[in-house]
Amino acid sequence: HHNVLRLPQELTAANPTHSFLFEMFSDPPTTTLQRLK
């Protein structure tokens, strides 16, 4: 699971003023439209 997709973190490390990653936690119920809204 860890470090499977490296491109996003490499872009963020190379351009820290132009990119960031963040984790979003969702409470149930979780459907795509609800989260996008």
ModelCIF file with pLDDT and N, C-alpha, C, O atoms, coordinates in Angstrom:
data_MODEL
#
_entry.id   MODEL 
#
_entity.id                         1 
_entity.type                       polymer 
_entity.pdbx_number_of_molecules   1 
#
_entity_poly.entity_id                      1 
_entity_poly.type                           'polypeptide(L)' 
_entity_poly.nstd_linkage                   no 
_entity_poly.nstd_monomer                   no 
_entity_poly.pdbx_seq_one_letter_code       HHNVLRLPQELTAANPTHSFLFEMFSDPPTTTLQRLK 
_entity_poly.pdbx_seq_one_letter_code_can   HHNVLRLPQELTAANPTHSFLFEMFSDPPTTTLQRLK 
_entity_poly.pdbx_strand_id                 A 
#
loop_
_entity_poly_seq.entity_id 
_entity_poly_seq.num 
_entity_poly_seq.mon_id 
_entity_poly_seq.hetero 
1 1  HIS n 
1 2  HIS n 
1 3  ASN n 
1 4  VAL n 
1 5  LEU n 
1 6  ARG n 
1 7  LEU n 
1 8  PRO n 
1 9  GLN n 
1 10 GLU n 
1 11 LEU n 
1 12 THR n 
1 13 ALA n 
1 14 ALA n 
1 15 ASN n 
1 16 PRO n 
1 17 THR n 
1 18 HIS n 
1 19 SER n 
1 20 PHE n 
1 21 LEU n 
1 22 PHE n 
1 23 GLU n 
1 24 MET n 
1 25 PHE n 
1 26 SER n 
1 27 ASP n 
1 28 PRO n 
1 29 PRO n 
1 30 THR n 
1 31 THR n 
1 32 THR n 
1 33 LEU n 
1 34 GLN n 
1 35 ARG n 
1 36 LEU n 
1 37 LYS n 
#
_struct_asym.id          A 
_struct_asym.entity_id   1 
#
loop_
_ma_qa_metric.id 
_ma_qa_metric.mode 
_ma_qa_metric.name 
_ma_qa_metric.software_group_id 
_ma_qa_metric.type 
1 global pLDDT . pLDDT 
2 local  pLDDT . pLDDT 
#
_ma_qa_metric_global.metric_id      1 
_ma_qa_metric_global.metric_value   81.35 
_ma_qa_metric_global.model_id       1 
_ma_qa_metric_global.ordinal_id     1 
#
loop_
_ma_qa_metric_local.label_asym_id 
_ma_qa_metric_local.label_comp_id 
_ma_qa_metric_local.label_seq_id 
_ma_qa_metric_local.metric_id 
_ma_qa_metric_local.metric_value 
_ma_qa_metric_local.model_id 
_ma_qa_metric_local.ordinal_id 
A HIS 1  2 81.00 1 1  
A HIS 2  2 82.00 1 2  
A ASN 3  2 77.00 1 3  
A VAL 4  2 81.00 1 4  
A LEU 5  2 85.00 1 5  
A ARG 6  2 86.00 1 6  
A LEU 7  2 89.00 1 7  
A PRO 8  2 87.00 1 8  
A GLN 9  2 88.00 1 9  
A GLU 10 2 91.00 1 10 
A LEU 11 2 90.00 1 11 
A THR 12 2 89.00 1 12 
A ALA 13 2 91.00 1 13 
A ALA 14 2 95.00 1 14 
A ASN 15 2 91.00 1 15 
A PRO 16 2 91.00 1 16 
A THR 17 2 88.00 1 17 
A HIS 18 2 87.00 1 18 
A SER 19 2 86.00 1 19 
A PHE 20 2 85.00 1 20 
A LEU 21 2 85.00 1 21 
A PHE 22 2 81.00 1 22 
A GLU 23 2 80.00 1 23 
A MET 24 2 75.00 1 24 
A PHE 25 2 73.00 1 25 
A SER 26 2 69.00 1 26 
A ASP 27 2 69.00 1 27 
A PRO 28 2 69.00 1 28 
A PRO 29 2 66.00 1 29 
A THR 30 2 70.00 1 30 
A THR 31 2 75.00 1 31 
A THR 32 2 75.00 1 32 
A LEU 33 2 76.00 1 33 
A GLN 34 2 76.00 1 34 
A ARG 35 2 76.00 1 35 
A LEU 36 2 77.00 1 36 
A LYS 37 2 78.00 1 37 
#
loop_
_atom_site.group_PDB 
_atom_site.id 
_atom_site.type_symbol 
_atom_site.label_atom_id 
_atom_site.label_alt_id 
_atom_site.label_comp_id 
_atom_site.label_asym_id 
_atom_site.label_entity_id 
_atom_site.label_seq_id 
_atom_site.pdbx_PDB_ins_code 
_atom_site.Cartn_x 
_atom_site.Cartn_y 
_atom_site.Cartn_z 
_atom_site.occupancy 
_atom_site.B_iso_or_equiv 
_atom_site.pdbx_formal_charge 
_atom_site.auth_seq_id 
_atom_site.auth_comp_id 
_atom_site.auth_asym_id 
_atom_site.auth_atom_id 
_atom_site.pdbx_PDB_model_num 
ATOM 1   N N  . HIS A 1 1  ? 0.798   -1.219 0.000  1.00 81.00 ? 1  HIS A N  1 
ATOM 2   C CA . HIS A 1 1  ? 0.000   0.000  0.000  1.00 81.00 ? 1  HIS A CA 1 
ATOM 3   C C  . HIS A 1 1  ? 0.833   1.272  0.000  1.00 81.00 ? 1  HIS A C  1 
ATOM 4   O O  . HIS A 1 1  ? 0.449   2.249  -0.643 1.00 81.00 ? 1  HIS A O  1 
ATOM 5   N N  . HIS A 1 2  ? 1.954   1.290  0.698  1.00 82.00 ? 2  HIS A N  1 
ATOM 6   C CA . HIS A 1 2  ? 2.713   2.526  0.846  1.00 82.00 ? 2  HIS A CA 1 
ATOM 7   C C  . HIS A 1 2  ? 3.597   2.775  -0.379 1.00 82.00 ? 2  HIS A C  1 
ATOM 8   O O  . HIS A 1 2  ? 4.250   1.868  -0.895 1.00 82.00 ? 2  HIS A O  1 
ATOM 9   N N  . ASN A 1 3  ? 3.595   4.040  -0.827 1.00 77.00 ? 3  ASN A N  1 
ATOM 10  C CA . ASN A 1 3  ? 4.456   4.476  -1.935 1.00 77.00 ? 3  ASN A CA 1 
ATOM 11  C C  . ASN A 1 3  ? 4.181   3.760  -3.243 1.00 77.00 ? 3  ASN A C  1 
ATOM 12  O O  . ASN A 1 3  ? 5.111   3.545  -4.020 1.00 77.00 ? 3  ASN A O  1 
ATOM 13  N N  . VAL A 1 4  ? 2.951   3.387  -3.513 1.00 81.00 ? 4  VAL A N  1 
ATOM 14  C CA . VAL A 1 4  ? 2.612   2.710  -4.759 1.00 81.00 ? 4  VAL A CA 1 
ATOM 15  C C  . VAL A 1 4  ? 2.575   3.716  -5.913 1.00 81.00 ? 4  VAL A C  1 
ATOM 16  O O  . VAL A 1 4  ? 3.096   3.434  -6.992 1.00 81.00 ? 4  VAL A O  1 
ATOM 17  N N  . LEU A 1 5  ? 1.964   4.887  -5.694 1.00 85.00 ? 5  LEU A N  1 
ATOM 18  C CA . LEU A 1 5  ? 1.908   5.940  -6.707 1.00 85.00 ? 5  LEU A CA 1 
ATOM 19  C C  . LEU A 1 5  ? 2.845   7.070  -6.279 1.00 85.00 ? 5  LEU A C  1 
ATOM 20  O O  . LEU A 1 5  ? 2.521   7.831  -5.367 1.00 85.00 ? 5  LEU A O  1 
ATOM 21  N N  . ARG A 1 6  ? 3.976   7.179  -6.917 1.00 86.00 ? 6  ARG A N  1 
ATOM 22  C CA . ARG A 1 6  ? 4.996   8.135  -6.468 1.00 86.00 ? 6  ARG A CA 1 
ATOM 23  C C  . ARG A 1 6  ? 4.952   9.489  -7.178 1.00 86.00 ? 6  ARG A C  1 
ATOM 24  O O  . ARG A 1 6  ? 5.452   10.473 -6.634 1.00 86.00 ? 6  ARG A O  1 
ATOM 25  N N  . LEU A 1 7  ? 4.375   9.566  -8.362 1.00 89.00 ? 7  LEU A N  1 
ATOM 26  C CA . LEU A 1 7  ? 4.392   10.814 -9.118 1.00 89.00 ? 7  LEU A CA 1 
ATOM 27  C C  . LEU A 1 7  ? 3.784   11.995 -8.352 1.00 89.00 ? 7  LEU A C  1 
ATOM 28  O O  . LEU A 1 7  ? 4.398   13.062 -8.332 1.00 89.00 ? 7  LEU A O  1 
ATOM 29  N N  . PRO A 1 8  ? 2.608   11.860 -7.720 1.00 87.00 ? 8  PRO A N  1 
ATOM 30  C CA . PRO A 1 8  ? 2.069   13.014 -6.985 1.00 87.00 ? 8  PRO A CA 1 
ATOM 31  C C  . PRO A 1 8  ? 3.002   13.527 -5.884 1.00 87.00 ? 8  PRO A C  1 
ATOM 32  O O  . PRO A 1 8  ? 3.174   14.737 -5.741 1.00 87.00 ? 8  PRO A O  1 
ATOM 33  N N  . GLN A 1 9  ? 3.601   12.628 -5.108 1.00 88.00 ? 9  GLN A N  1 
ATOM 34  C CA . GLN A 1 9  ? 4.501   13.100 -4.057 1.00 88.00 ? 9  GLN A CA 1 
ATOM 35  C C  . GLN A 1 9  ? 5.801   13.667 -4.620 1.00 88.00 ? 9  GLN A C  1 
ATOM 36  O O  . GLN A 1 9  ? 6.384   14.572 -4.022 1.00 88.00 ? 9  GLN A O  1 
ATOM 37  N N  . GLU A 1 10 ? 6.269   13.148 -5.766 1.00 91.00 ? 10 GLU A N  1 
ATOM 38  C CA . GLU A 1 10 ? 7.464   13.708 -6.402 1.00 91.00 ? 10 GLU A CA 1 
ATOM 39  C C  . GLU A 1 10 ? 7.193   15.121 -6.915 1.00 91.00 ? 10 GLU A C  1 
ATOM 40  O O  . GLU A 1 10 ? 8.036   16.006 -6.773 1.00 91.00 ? 10 GLU A O  1 
ATOM 41  N N  . LEU A 1 11 ? 6.008   15.335 -7.516 1.00 90.00 ? 11 LEU A N  1 
ATOM 42  C CA . LEU A 1 11 ? 5.651   16.677 -7.980 1.00 90.00 ? 11 LEU A CA 1 
ATOM 43  C C  . LEU A 1 11 ? 5.523   17.650 -6.817 1.00 90.00 ? 11 LEU A C  1 
ATOM 44  O O  . LEU A 1 11 ? 5.959   18.797 -6.918 1.00 90.00 ? 11 LEU A O  1 
ATOM 45  N N  . THR A 1 12 ? 4.942   17.213 -5.735 1.00 89.00 ? 12 THR A N  1 
ATOM 46  C CA . THR A 1 12 ? 4.791   18.065 -4.558 1.00 89.00 ? 12 THR A CA 1 
ATOM 47  C C  . THR A 1 12 ? 6.149   18.377 -3.935 1.00 89.00 ? 12 THR A C  1 
ATOM 48  O O  . THR A 1 12 ? 6.392   19.512 -3.524 1.00 89.00 ? 12 THR A O  1 
ATOM 49  N N  . ALA A 1 13 ? 7.032   17.389 -3.861 1.00 91.00 ? 13 ALA A N  1 
ATOM 50  C CA . ALA A 1 13 ? 8.376   17.626 -3.308 1.00 91.00 ? 13 ALA A CA 1 
ATOM 51  C C  . ALA A 1 13 ? 9.182   18.574 -4.187 1.00 91.00 ? 13 ALA A C  1 
ATOM 52  O O  . ALA A 1 13 ? 9.934   19.406 -3.679 1.00 91.00 ? 13 ALA A O  1 
ATOM 53  N N  . ALA A 1 14 ? 9.028   18.453 -5.504 1.00 95.00 ? 14 ALA A N  1 
ATOM 54  C CA . ALA A 1 14 ? 9.771   19.309 -6.438 1.00 95.00 ? 14 ALA A CA 1 
ATOM 55  C C  . ALA A 1 14 ? 9.220   20.733 -6.491 1.00 95.00 ? 14 ALA A C  1 
ATOM 56  O O  . ALA A 1 14 ? 9.962   21.673 -6.775 1.00 95.00 ? 14 ALA A O  1 
ATOM 57  N N  . ASN A 1 15 ? 7.919   20.898 -6.220 1.00 91.00 ? 15 ASN A N  1 
ATOM 58  C CA . ASN A 1 15 ? 7.267   22.213 -6.299 1.00 91.00 ? 15 ASN A CA 1 
ATOM 59  C C  . ASN A 1 15 ? 6.385   22.441 -5.076 1.00 91.00 ? 15 ASN A C  1 
ATOM 60  O O  . ASN A 1 15 ? 5.162   22.491 -5.209 1.00 91.00 ? 15 ASN A O  1 
ATOM 61  N N  . PRO A 1 16 ? 6.971   22.580 -3.887 1.00 91.00 ? 16 PRO A N  1 
ATOM 62  C CA . PRO A 1 16 ? 6.153   22.682 -2.672 1.00 91.00 ? 16 PRO A CA 1 
ATOM 63  C C  . PRO A 1 16 ? 5.288   23.938 -2.602 1.00 91.00 ? 16 PRO A C  1 
ATOM 64  O O  . PRO A 1 16 ? 4.318   23.958 -1.844 1.00 91.00 ? 16 PRO A O  1 
ATOM 65  N N  . THR A 1 17 ? 5.599   24.976 -3.356 1.00 88.00 ? 17 THR A N  1 
ATOM 66  C CA . THR A 1 17 ? 4.760   26.179 -3.339 1.00 88.00 ? 17 THR A CA 1 
ATOM 67  C C  . THR A 1 17 ? 3.622   26.089 -4.364 1.00 88.00 ? 17 THR A C  1 
ATOM 68  O O  . THR A 1 17 ? 2.751   26.958 -4.406 1.00 88.00 ? 17 THR A O  1 
ATOM 69  N N  . HIS A 1 18 ? 3.634   25.042 -5.184 1.00 87.00 ? 18 HIS A N  1 
ATOM 70  C CA . HIS A 1 18 ? 2.625   24.902 -6.228 1.00 87.00 ? 18 HIS A CA 1 
ATOM 71  C C  . HIS A 1 18 ? 1.796   23.628 -6.107 1.00 87.00 ? 18 HIS A C  1 
ATOM 72  O O  . HIS A 1 18 ? 0.901   23.396 -6.919 1.00 87.00 ? 18 HIS A O  1 
ATOM 73  N N  . SER A 1 19 ? 2.079   22.813 -5.118 1.00 86.00 ? 19 SER A N  1 
ATOM 74  C CA . SER A 1 19 ? 1.396   21.529 -5.025 1.00 86.00 ? 19 SER A CA 1 
ATOM 75  C C  . SER A 1 19 ? 1.332   21.073 -3.580 1.00 86.00 ? 19 SER A C  1 
ATOM 76  O O  . SER A 1 19 ? 2.237   21.351 -2.794 1.00 86.00 ? 19 SER A O  1 
ATOM 77  N N  . PHE A 1 20 ? 0.263   20.374 -3.231 1.00 85.00 ? 20 PHE A N  1 
ATOM 78  C CA . PHE A 1 20 ? 0.190   19.739 -1.914 1.00 85.00 ? 20 PHE A CA 1 
ATOM 79  C C  . PHE A 1 20 ? -0.757  18.557 -1.968 1.00 85.00 ? 20 PHE A C  1 
ATOM 80  O O  . PHE A 1 20 ? -1.680  18.510 -2.781 1.00 85.00 ? 20 PHE A O  1 
ATOM 81  N N  . LEU A 1 21 ? -0.511  17.614 -1.094 1.00 85.00 ? 21 LEU A N  1 
ATOM 82  C CA . LEU A 1 21 ? -1.366  16.445 -0.946 1.00 85.00 ? 21 LEU A CA 1 
ATOM 83  C C  . LEU A 1 21 ? -2.073  16.549 0.389  1.00 85.00 ? 21 LEU A C  1 
ATOM 84  O O  . LEU A 1 21 ? -1.472  16.965 1.379  1.00 85.00 ? 21 LEU A O  1 
ATOM 85  N N  . PHE A 1 22 ? -3.332  16.179 0.426  1.00 81.00 ? 22 PHE A N  1 
ATOM 86  C CA . PHE A 1 22 ? -3.989  16.120 1.718  1.00 81.00 ? 22 PHE A CA 1 
ATOM 87  C C  . PHE A 1 22 ? -4.960  14.964 1.739  1.00 81.00 ? 22 PHE A C  1 
ATOM 88  O O  . PHE A 1 22 ? -5.488  14.542 0.710  1.00 81.00 ? 22 PHE A O  1 
ATOM 89  N N  . GLU A 1 23 ? -5.177  14.470 2.930  1.00 80.00 ? 23 GLU A N  1 
ATOM 90  C CA . GLU A 1 23 ? -6.058  13.327 3.129  1.00 80.00 ? 23 GLU A CA 1 
ATOM 91  C C  . GLU A 1 23 ? -7.403  13.818 3.629  1.00 80.00 ? 23 GLU A C  1 
ATOM 92  O O  . GLU A 1 23 ? -7.479  14.667 4.517  1.00 80.00 ? 23 GLU A O  1 
ATOM 93  N N  . MET A 1 24 ? -8.448  13.279 3.056  1.00 75.00 ? 24 MET A N  1 
ATOM 94  C CA . MET A 1 24 ? -9.797  13.654 3.471  1.00 75.00 ? 24 MET A CA 1 
ATOM 95  C C  . MET A 1 24 ? -10.456 12.445 4.113  1.00 75.00 ? 24 MET A C  1 
ATOM 96  O O  . MET A 1 24 ? -10.429 11.346 3.560  1.00 75.00 ? 24 MET A O  1 
ATOM 97  N N  . PHE A 1 25 ? -11.049 12.652 5.284  1.00 73.00 ? 25 PHE A N  1 
ATOM 98  C CA . PHE A 1 25 ? -11.755 11.584 5.973  1.00 73.00 ? 25 PHE A CA 1 
ATOM 99  C C  . PHE A 1 25 ? -13.246 11.766 5.749  1.00 73.00 ? 25 PHE A C  1 
ATOM 100 O O  . PHE A 1 25 ? -13.753 12.885 5.822  1.00 73.00 ? 25 PHE A O  1 
ATOM 101 N N  . SER A 1 26 ? -13.943 10.687 5.480  1.00 69.00 ? 26 SER A N  1 
ATOM 102 C CA . SER A 1 26 ? -15.378 10.745 5.216  1.00 69.00 ? 26 SER A CA 1 
ATOM 103 C C  . SER A 1 26 ? -16.131 9.917  6.232  1.00 69.00 ? 26 SER A C  1 
ATOM 104 O O  . SER A 1 26 ? -15.749 8.791  6.553  1.00 69.00 ? 26 SER A O  1 
ATOM 105 N N  . ASP A 1 27 ? -17.208 10.493 6.731  1.00 69.00 ? 27 ASP A N  1 
ATOM 106 C CA . ASP A 1 27 ? -18.105 9.749  7.599  1.00 69.00 ? 27 ASP A CA 1 
ATOM 107 C C  . ASP A 1 27 ? -19.165 9.085  6.727  1.00 69.00 ? 27 ASP A C  1 
ATOM 108 O O  . ASP A 1 27 ? -19.563 9.641  5.704  1.00 69.00 ? 27 ASP A O  1 
ATOM 109 N N  . PRO A 1 28 ? -19.619 7.910  7.122  1.00 69.00 ? 28 PRO A N  1 
ATOM 110 C CA . PRO A 1 28 ? -20.672 7.264  6.339  1.00 69.00 ? 28 PRO A CA 1 
ATOM 111 C C  . PRO A 1 28 ? -21.964 8.062  6.396  1.00 69.00 ? 28 PRO A C  1 
ATOM 112 O O  . PRO A 1 28 ? -22.172 8.764  7.386  1.00 69.00 ? 28 PRO A O  1 
ATOM 113 N N  . PRO A 1 29 ? -22.816 8.008  5.436  1.00 66.00 ? 29 PRO A N  1 
ATOM 114 C CA . PRO A 1 29 ? -22.669 7.227  4.213  1.00 66.00 ? 29 PRO A CA 1 
ATOM 115 C C  . PRO A 1 29 ? -21.750 7.939  3.238  1.00 66.00 ? 29 PRO A C  1 
ATOM 116 O O  . PRO A 1 29 ? -21.703 9.168  3.202  1.00 66.00 ? 29 PRO A O  1 
ATOM 117 N N  . THR A 1 30 ? -21.037 7.183  2.467  1.00 70.00 ? 30 THR A N  1 
ATOM 118 C CA . THR A 1 30 ? -20.126 7.797  1.506  1.00 70.00 ? 30 THR A CA 1 
ATOM 119 C C  . THR A 1 30 ? -20.497 7.382  0.090  1.00 70.00 ? 30 THR A C  1 
ATOM 120 O O  . THR A 1 30 ? -20.376 6.216  -0.288 1.00 70.00 ? 30 THR A O  1 
ATOM 121 N N  . THR A 1 31 ? -20.941 8.344  -0.670 1.00 75.00 ? 31 THR A N  1 
ATOM 122 C CA . THR A 1 31 ? -21.170 8.150  -2.095 1.00 75.00 ? 31 THR A CA 1 
ATOM 123 C C  . THR A 1 31 ? -20.401 9.256  -2.815 1.00 75.00 ? 31 THR A C  1 
ATOM 124 O O  . THR A 1 31 ? -20.127 10.310 -2.242 1.00 75.00 ? 31 THR A O  1 
ATOM 125 N N  . THR A 1 32 ? -20.068 9.007  -4.042 1.00 75.00 ? 32 THR A N  1 
ATOM 126 C CA . THR A 1 32 ? -19.224 9.948  -4.790 1.00 75.00 ? 32 THR A CA 1 
ATOM 127 C C  . THR A 1 32 ? -19.843 11.339 -4.873 1.00 75.00 ? 32 THR A C  1 
ATOM 128 O O  . THR A 1 32 ? -19.161 12.328 -4.604 1.00 75.00 ? 32 THR A O  1 
ATOM 129 N N  . LEU A 1 33 ? -21.107 11.434 -5.237 1.00 76.00 ? 33 LEU A N  1 
ATOM 130 C CA . LEU A 1 33 ? -21.729 12.743 -5.382 1.00 76.00 ? 33 LEU A CA 1 
ATOM 131 C C  . LEU A 1 33 ? -21.716 13.522 -4.070 1.00 76.00 ? 33 LEU A C  1 
ATOM 132 O O  . LEU A 1 33 ? -21.460 14.726 -4.066 1.00 76.00 ? 33 LEU A O  1 
ATOM 133 N N  . GLN A 1 34 ? -21.990 12.844 -2.960 1.00 76.00 ? 34 GLN A N  1 
ATOM 134 C CA . GLN A 1 34 ? -21.959 13.511 -1.651 1.00 76.00 ? 34 GLN A CA 1 
ATOM 135 C C  . GLN A 1 34 ? -20.585 14.099 -1.373 1.00 76.00 ? 34 GLN A C  1 
ATOM 136 O O  . GLN A 1 34 ? -20.481 15.243 -0.929 1.00 76.00 ? 34 GLN A O  1 
ATOM 137 N N  . ARG A 1 35 ? -19.549 13.349 -1.624 1.00 76.00 ? 35 ARG A N  1 
ATOM 138 C CA . ARG A 1 35 ? -18.181 13.812 -1.342 1.00 76.00 ? 35 ARG A CA 1 
ATOM 139 C C  . ARG A 1 35 ? -17.802 14.972 -2.248 1.00 76.00 ? 35 ARG A C  1 
ATOM 140 O O  . ARG A 1 35 ? -17.204 15.943 -1.783 1.00 76.00 ? 35 ARG A O  1 
ATOM 141 N N  . LEU A 1 36 ? -18.137 14.893 -3.533 1.00 77.00 ? 36 LEU A N  1 
ATOM 142 C CA . LEU A 1 36 ? -17.823 15.999 -4.448 1.00 77.00 ? 36 LEU A CA 1 
ATOM 143 C C  . LEU A 1 36 ? -18.586 17.257 -4.057 1.00 77.00 ? 36 LEU A C  1 
ATOM 144 O O  . LEU A 1 36 ? -18.049 18.362 -4.140 1.00 77.00 ? 36 LEU A O  1 
ATOM 145 N N  . LYS A 1 37 ? -19.824 17.097 -3.636 1.00 78.00 ? 37 LYS A N  1 
ATOM 146 C CA . LYS A 1 37 ? -20.606 18.252 -3.186 1.00 78.00 ? 37 LYS A CA 1 
ATOM 147 C C  . LYS A 1 37 ? -19.955 18.874 -1.952 1.00 78.00 ? 37 LYS A C  1 
ATOM 148 O O  . LYS A 1 37 ? -20.462 19.860 -1.418 1.00 78.00 ? 37 LYS A O  1 
#
